[in-house]
PDB file of all heavy atoms in Angstrom:
ATOM      1  N   ASP A   1      64.801-107.776 -42.230  1.00  0.00           N
ATOM      2  CA  ASP A   1      65.671-106.598 -42.240  1.00  0.00           C
ATOM      3  C   ASP A   1      65.669-105.906 -43.592  1.00  0.00           C
ATOM      4  O   ASP A   1      66.596-105.160 -43.921  1.00  0.00           O
ATOM      5  CB  ASP A   1      67.099-106.982 -41.847  1.00  0.00           C
ATOM      6  CG  ASP A   1      67.719-108.001 -42.810  1.00  0.00           C
ATOM      7  OD1 ASP A   1      66.983-108.534 -43.669  1.00  0.00           O
ATOM      8  OD2 ASP A   1      68.935-108.264 -42.691  1.00  0.00           O
ATOM      9  N   ARG A   2      64.647-106.127 -44.388  1.00  0.00           N
ATOM     10  CA  ARG A   2      64.560-105.524 -45.705  1.00  0.00           C
ATOM     11  C   ARG A   2      63.171-104.938 -45.943  1.00  0.00           C
ATOM     12  O   ARG A   2      62.230-105.184 -45.193  1.00  0.00           O
ATOM     13  CB  ARG A   2      64.848-106.583 -46.795  1.00  0.00           C
ATOM     14  CG  ARG A   2      66.312-107.006 -46.861  1.00  0.00           C
ATOM     15  CD  ARG A   2      67.184-105.851 -47.282  1.00  0.00           C
ATOM     16  NE  ARG A   2      68.592-106.193 -47.453  1.00  0.00           N
ATOM     17  CZ  ARG A   2      69.515-106.056 -46.515  1.00  0.00           C
ATOM     18  NH1 ARG A   2      69.177-105.646 -45.302  1.00  0.00           N
ATOM     19  NH2 ARG A   2      70.780-106.336 -46.771  1.00  0.00           N
ATOM     20  N   TYR A   3      63.069-104.154 -47.017  1.00  0.00           N
ATOM     21  CA  TYR A   3      61.788-103.641 -47.502  1.00  0.00           C
ATOM     22  C   TYR A   3      61.551-104.198 -48.900  1.00  0.00           C
ATOM     23  O   TYR A   3      62.477-104.679 -49.561  1.00  0.00           O
ATOM     24  CB  TYR A   3      61.800-102.111 -47.566  1.00  0.00           C
ATOM     25  CG  TYR A   3      61.926-101.430 -46.232  1.00  0.00           C
ATOM     26  CD1 TYR A   3      63.174-101.053 -45.735  1.00  0.00           C
ATOM     27  CD2 TYR A   3      60.804-101.134 -45.461  1.00  0.00           C
ATOM     28  CE1 TYR A   3      63.305-100.415 -44.518  1.00  0.00           C
ATOM     29  CE2 TYR A   3      60.922-100.488 -44.239  1.00  0.00           C
ATOM     30  CZ  TYR A   3      62.177-100.135 -43.769  1.00  0.00           C
ATOM     31  OH  TYR A   3      62.297 -99.496 -42.563  1.00  0.00           O
ATOM     32  N   LEU A   4      60.313-104.097 -49.363  1.00  0.00           N
ATOM     33  CA  LEU A   4      59.961-104.531 -50.708  1.00  0.00           C
ATOM     34  C   LEU A   4      59.492-103.333 -51.517  1.00  0.00           C
ATOM     35  O   LEU A   4      58.503-102.686 -51.160  1.00  0.00           O
ATOM     36  CB  LEU A   4      58.853-105.590 -50.673  1.00  0.00           C
ATOM     37  CG  LEU A   4      58.446-106.161 -52.034  1.00  0.00           C
ATOM     38  CD1 LEU A   4      59.603-106.957 -52.647  1.00  0.00           C
ATOM     39  CD2 LEU A   4      57.201-107.040 -51.911  1.00  0.00           C
ATOM     40  N   MET A   5      60.245-103.023 -52.579  1.00  0.00           N
ATOM     41  CA  MET A   5      59.810-102.011 -53.534  1.00  0.00           C
ATOM     42  C   MET A   5      58.805-102.649 -54.481  1.00  0.00           C
ATOM     43  O   MET A   5      59.072-103.702 -55.067  1.00  0.00           O
ATOM     44  CB  MET A   5      60.996-101.489 -54.340  1.00  0.00           C
ATOM     45  CG  MET A   5      60.597-100.492 -55.427  1.00  0.00           C
ATOM     46  SD  MET A   5      61.511-100.686 -56.978  1.00  0.00           S
ATOM     47  CE  MET A   5      60.803-102.180 -57.656  1.00  0.00           C
ATOM     48  N   THR A   6      57.641-102.024 -54.629  1.00  0.00           N
ATOM     49  CA  THR A   6      56.633-102.527 -55.559  1.00  0.00           C
ATOM     50  C   THR A   6      56.151-101.390 -56.439  1.00  0.00           C
ATOM     51  O   THR A   6      55.752-100.335 -55.936  1.00  0.00           O
ATOM     52  CB  THR A   6      55.433-103.138 -54.814  1.00  0.00           C
ATOM     53  OG1 THR A   6      55.906-104.146 -53.916  1.00  0.00           O
ATOM     54  CG2 THR A   6      54.444-103.754 -55.793  1.00  0.00           C
ATOM     55  N   ALA A   7      56.209-101.610 -57.743  1.00  0.00           N
ATOM     56  CA  ALA A   7      55.720-100.645 -58.731  1.00  0.00           C
ATOM     57  C   ALA A   7      54.590-101.330 -59.496  1.00  0.00           C
ATOM     58  O   ALA A   7      54.838-102.282 -60.249  1.00  0.00           O
ATOM     59  CB  ALA A   7      56.843-100.229 -59.670  1.00  0.00           C
ATOM     60  N   LEU A   8      53.377-100.866 -59.299  1.00  0.00           N
ATOM     61  CA  LEU A   8      52.187-101.576 -59.773  1.00  0.00           C
ATOM     62  C   LEU A   8      51.641-100.980 -61.057  1.00  0.00           C
ATOM     63  O   LEU A   8      51.452 -99.767 -61.169  1.00  0.00           O
ATOM     64  CB  LEU A   8      51.093-101.519 -58.699  1.00  0.00           C
ATOM     65  CG  LEU A   8      49.771-102.208 -59.050  1.00  0.00           C
ATOM     66  CD1 LEU A   8      49.962-103.701 -59.190  1.00  0.00           C
ATOM     67  CD2 LEU A   8      48.717-101.894 -57.982  1.00  0.00           C
ATOM     68  N   GLN A   9      51.386-101.860 -62.031  1.00  0.00           N
ATOM     69  CA  GLN A   9      50.691-101.500 -63.270  1.00  0.00           C
ATOM     70  C   GLN A   9      49.266-102.013 -63.148  1.00  0.00           C
ATOM     71  O   GLN A   9      49.038-103.199 -62.895  1.00  0.00           O
ATOM     72  CB  GLN A   9      51.398-102.149 -64.459  1.00  0.00           C
ATOM     73  CG  GLN A   9      50.849-101.776 -65.821  1.00  0.00           C
ATOM     74  CD  GLN A   9      51.772-102.251 -66.946  1.00  0.00           C
ATOM     75  OE1 GLN A   9      52.987-102.083 -66.887  1.00  0.00           O
ATOM     76  NE2 GLN A   9      51.198-102.868 -67.962  1.00  0.00           N
ATOM     77  N   ALA A  10      48.278-101.139 -63.337  1.00  0.00           N
ATOM     78  CA  ALA A  10      46.897-101.471 -62.986  1.00  0.00           C
ATOM     79  C   ALA A  10      46.337-102.633 -63.777  1.00  0.00           C
ATOM     80  O   ALA A  10      45.650-103.500 -63.230  1.00  0.00           O
ATOM     81  CB  ALA A  10      46.007-100.240 -63.153  1.00  0.00           C
ATOM     82  N   THR A  11      46.574-102.691 -65.078  1.00  0.00           N
ATOM     83  CA  THR A  11      46.017-103.777 -65.889  1.00  0.00           C
ATOM     84  C   THR A  11      47.076-104.305 -66.843  1.00  0.00           C
ATOM     85  O   THR A  11      47.730-103.546 -67.549  1.00  0.00           O
ATOM     86  CB  THR A  11      44.796-103.318 -66.713  1.00  0.00           C
ATOM     87  OG1 THR A  11      45.124-102.144 -67.452  1.00  0.00           O
ATOM     88  CG2 THR A  11      43.609-103.034 -65.809  1.00  0.00           C
ATOM     89  N   ALA A  12      47.247-105.630 -66.851  1.00  0.00           N
ATOM     90  CA  ALA A  12      48.169-106.299 -67.775  1.00  0.00           C
ATOM     91  C   ALA A  12      47.396-107.403 -68.488  1.00  0.00           C
ATOM     92  O   ALA A  12      46.842-107.213 -69.557  1.00  0.00           O
ATOM     93  CB  ALA A  12      49.378-106.844 -67.009  1.00  0.00           C
ATOM     94  N   GLY A  13      47.310-108.589 -67.851  1.00  0.00           N
ATOM     95  CA  GLY A  13      46.530-109.658 -68.438  1.00  0.00           C
ATOM     96  C   GLY A  13      45.062-109.315 -68.603  1.00  0.00           C
ATOM     97  O   GLY A  13      44.364-109.903 -69.442  1.00  0.00           O
ATOM     98  N   ALA A  14      44.575-108.351 -67.823  1.00  0.00           N
ATOM     99  CA  ALA A  14      43.179-107.914 -67.979  1.00  0.00           C
ATOM    100  C   ALA A  14      42.903-107.417 -69.389  1.00  0.00           C
ATOM    101  O   ALA A  14      41.770-107.505 -69.876  1.00  0.00           O
ATOM    102  CB  ALA A  14      42.859-106.808 -66.966  1.00  0.00           C
ATOM    103  N   ASN A  15      43.925-106.907 -70.054  1.00  0.00           N
ATOM    104  CA  ASN A  15      43.744-106.460 -71.438  1.00  0.00           C
ATOM    105  C   ASN A  15      43.462-107.640 -72.360  1.00  0.00           C
ATOM    106  O   ASN A  15      42.659-107.528 -73.301  1.00  0.00           O
ATOM    107  CB  ASN A  15      44.994-105.707 -71.910  1.00  0.00           C
ATOM    108  CG  ASN A  15      45.155-104.368 -71.228  1.00  0.00           C
ATOM    109  OD1 ASN A  15      44.569-103.379 -71.629  1.00  0.00           O
ATOM    110  ND2 ASN A  15      45.951-104.344 -70.164  1.00  0.00           N
ATOM    111  N   LEU A  16      44.109-108.777 -72.121  1.00  0.00           N
ATOM    112  CA  LEU A  16      43.844-109.962 -72.928  1.00  0.00           C
ATOM    113  C   LEU A  16      42.472-110.544 -72.620  1.00  0.00           C
ATOM    114  O   LEU A  16      41.767-111.015 -73.508  1.00  0.00           O
ATOM    115  CB  LEU A  16      44.923-111.011 -72.691  1.00  0.00           C
ATOM    116  CG  LEU A  16      46.333-110.626 -73.127  1.00  0.00           C
ATOM    117  CD1 LEU A  16      47.289-111.782 -72.873  1.00  0.00           C
ATOM    118  CD2 LEU A  16      46.368-110.227 -74.588  1.00  0.00           C
ATOM    119  N   THR A  17      42.103-110.519 -71.324  1.00  0.00           N
ATOM    120  CA  THR A  17      40.769-110.986 -70.954  1.00  0.00           C
ATOM    121  C   THR A  17      39.702-110.144 -71.637  1.00  0.00           C
ATOM    122  O   THR A  17      38.711-110.665 -72.157  1.00  0.00           O
ATOM    123  CB  THR A  17      40.598-110.931 -69.434  1.00  0.00           C
ATOM    124  OG1 THR A  17      41.630-111.697 -68.817  1.00  0.00           O
ATOM    125  CG2 THR A  17      39.244-111.475 -69.008  1.00  0.00           C
ATOM    126  N   TRP A  18      39.906-108.838 -71.646  1.00  0.00           N
ATOM    127  CA  TRP A  18      38.971-107.934 -72.317  1.00  0.00           C
ATOM    128  C   TRP A  18      38.893-108.255 -73.810  1.00  0.00           C
ATOM    129  O   TRP A  18      37.808-108.341 -74.390  1.00  0.00           O
ATOM    130  CB  TRP A  18      39.419-106.486 -72.118  1.00  0.00           C
ATOM    131  CG  TRP A  18      38.719-105.514 -73.022  1.00  0.00           C
ATOM    132  CD1 TRP A  18      37.477-104.974 -72.857  1.00  0.00           C
ATOM    133  CD2 TRP A  18      39.235-104.973 -74.247  1.00  0.00           C
ATOM    134  NE1 TRP A  18      37.186-104.137 -73.899  1.00  0.00           N
ATOM    135  CE2 TRP A  18      38.237-104.111 -74.768  1.00  0.00           C
ATOM    136  CE3 TRP A  18      40.427-105.122 -74.954  1.00  0.00           C
ATOM    137  CZ2 TRP A  18      38.418-103.412 -75.962  1.00  0.00           C
ATOM    138  CZ3 TRP A  18      40.601-104.433 -76.124  1.00  0.00           C
ATOM    139  CH2 TRP A  18      39.611-103.588 -76.624  1.00  0.00           C
ATOM    140  N   LEU A  19      40.059-108.457 -74.422  1.00  0.00           N
ATOM    141  CA  LEU A  19      40.085-108.748 -75.852  1.00  0.00           C
ATOM    142  C   LEU A  19      39.353-110.059 -76.144  1.00  0.00           C
ATOM    143  O   LEU A  19      38.561-110.146 -77.085  1.00  0.00           O
ATOM    144  CB  LEU A  19      41.535-108.827 -76.333  1.00  0.00           C
ATOM    145  CG  LEU A  19      41.760-108.911 -77.839  1.00  0.00           C
ATOM    146  CD1 LEU A  19      41.402-107.601 -78.505  1.00  0.00           C
ATOM    147  CD2 LEU A  19      43.214-109.276 -78.133  1.00  0.00           C
ATOM    148  N   ARG A  20      39.604-111.052 -75.304  1.00  0.00           N
ATOM    149  CA  ARG A  20      38.969-112.353 -75.506  1.00  0.00           C
ATOM    150  C   ARG A  20      37.456-112.278 -75.288  1.00  0.00           C
ATOM    151  O   ARG A  20      36.672-112.787 -76.092  1.00  0.00           O
ATOM    152  CB  ARG A  20      39.575-113.371 -74.529  1.00  0.00           C
ATOM    153  CG  ARG A  20      38.999-114.771 -74.626  1.00  0.00           C
ATOM    154  CD  ARG A  20      39.459-115.612 -73.447  1.00  0.00           C
ATOM    155  NE  ARG A  20      38.875-115.130 -72.193  1.00  0.00           N
ATOM    156  CZ  ARG A  20      39.255-115.548 -70.992  1.00  0.00           C
ATOM    157  NH1 ARG A  20      40.217-116.428 -70.874  1.00  0.00           N
ATOM    158  NH2 ARG A  20      38.686-115.072 -69.908  1.00  0.00           N
ATOM    159  N   ASP A  21      37.047-111.660 -74.190  1.00  0.00           N
ATOM    160  CA  ASP A  21      35.639-111.709 -73.792  1.00  0.00           C
ATOM    161  C   ASP A  21      34.765-110.676 -74.488  1.00  0.00           C
ATOM    162  O   ASP A  21      33.570-110.900 -74.673  1.00  0.00           O
ATOM    163  CB  ASP A  21      35.517-111.507 -72.281  1.00  0.00           C
ATOM    164  CG  ASP A  21      36.137-112.649 -71.492  1.00  0.00           C
ATOM    165  OD1 ASP A  21      36.466-113.683 -72.105  1.00  0.00           O
ATOM    166  OD2 ASP A  21      36.290-112.507 -70.267  1.00  0.00           O
ATOM    167  N   LYS A  22      35.362-109.547 -74.879  1.00  0.00           N
ATOM    168  CA  LYS A  22      34.557-108.458 -75.424  1.00  0.00           C
ATOM    169  C   LYS A  22      34.735-108.259 -76.930  1.00  0.00           C
ATOM    170  O   LYS A  22      33.895-107.621 -77.565  1.00  0.00           O
ATOM    171  CB  LYS A  22      34.909-107.139 -74.712  1.00  0.00           C
ATOM    172  CG  LYS A  22      34.729-107.171 -73.206  1.00  0.00           C
ATOM    173  CD  LYS A  22      33.268-107.329 -72.814  1.00  0.00           C
ATOM    174  CE  LYS A  22      33.109-107.400 -71.307  1.00  0.00           C
ATOM    175  NZ  LYS A  22      33.445-106.163 -70.621  1.00  0.00           N
ATOM    176  N   ILE A  23      35.806-108.794 -77.508  1.00  0.00           N
ATOM    177  CA  ILE A  23      36.078-108.580 -78.932  1.00  0.00           C
ATOM    178  C   ILE A  23      35.987-109.880 -79.717  1.00  0.00           C
ATOM    179  O   ILE A  23      35.338-109.963 -80.744  1.00  0.00           O
ATOM    180  CB  ILE A  23      37.467-107.934 -79.136  1.00  0.00           C
ATOM    181  CG1 ILE A  23      37.572-106.626 -78.332  1.00  0.00           C
ATOM    182  CG2 ILE A  23      37.729-107.690 -80.610  1.00  0.00           C
ATOM    183  CD1 ILE A  23      36.533-105.583 -78.695  1.00  0.00           C
ATOM    184  N   VAL A  24      36.672-110.926 -79.238  1.00  0.00           N
ATOM    185  CA  VAL A  24      36.638-112.209 -79.935  1.00  0.00           C
ATOM    186  C   VAL A  24      35.278-112.860 -79.675  1.00  0.00           C
ATOM    187  O   VAL A  24      34.862-113.005 -78.537  1.00  0.00           O
ATOM    188  CB  VAL A  24      37.771-113.129 -79.435  1.00  0.00           C
ATOM    189  CG1 VAL A  24      37.684-114.494 -80.099  1.00  0.00           C
ATOM    190  CG2 VAL A  24      39.122-112.489 -79.718  1.00  0.00           C
ATOM    191  N   GLU A  25      34.578-113.253 -80.731  1.00  0.00           N
ATOM    192  CA  GLU A  25      33.251-113.848 -80.569  1.00  0.00           C
ATOM    193  C   GLU A  25      33.377-115.273 -80.030  1.00  0.00           C
ATOM    194  O   GLU A  25      34.357-115.971 -80.270  1.00  0.00           O
ATOM    195  CB  GLU A  25      32.515-113.868 -81.925  1.00  0.00           C
ATOM    196  CG  GLU A  25      32.264-112.490 -82.507  1.00  0.00           C
ATOM    197  CD  GLU A  25      31.289-111.679 -81.680  1.00  0.00           C
ATOM    198  OE1 GLU A  25      30.492-112.274 -80.943  1.00  0.00           O
ATOM    199  OE2 GLU A  25      31.334-110.429 -81.765  1.00  0.00           O
ATOM    200  N   TYR A  26      32.340-115.718 -79.328  1.00  0.00           N
ATOM    201  CA  TYR A  26      32.408-117.028 -78.700  1.00  0.00           C
ATOM    202  C   TYR A  26      32.337-118.180 -79.706  1.00  0.00           C
ATOM    203  O   TYR A  26      32.678-119.304 -79.377  1.00  0.00           O
ATOM    204  CB  TYR A  26      31.301-117.170 -77.647  1.00  0.00           C
ATOM    205  CG  TYR A  26      31.590-116.352 -76.427  1.00  0.00           C
ATOM    206  CD1 TYR A  26      30.818-115.244 -76.108  1.00  0.00           C
ATOM    207  CD2 TYR A  26      32.674-116.676 -75.609  1.00  0.00           C
ATOM    208  CE1 TYR A  26      31.107-114.482 -74.985  1.00  0.00           C
ATOM    209  CE2 TYR A  26      32.972-115.922 -74.495  1.00  0.00           C
ATOM    210  CZ  TYR A  26      32.184-114.829 -74.173  1.00  0.00           C
ATOM    211  OH  TYR A  26      32.473-114.062 -73.077  1.00  0.00           O
TER     212      TYR A  26
END
């Protein structure tokens, strides 16, 4: 008997993955 409000942000943790994989050297 309810609805779900969802407000989506496209990238969150993906920014950390990008920083780790593309900026921080292995």
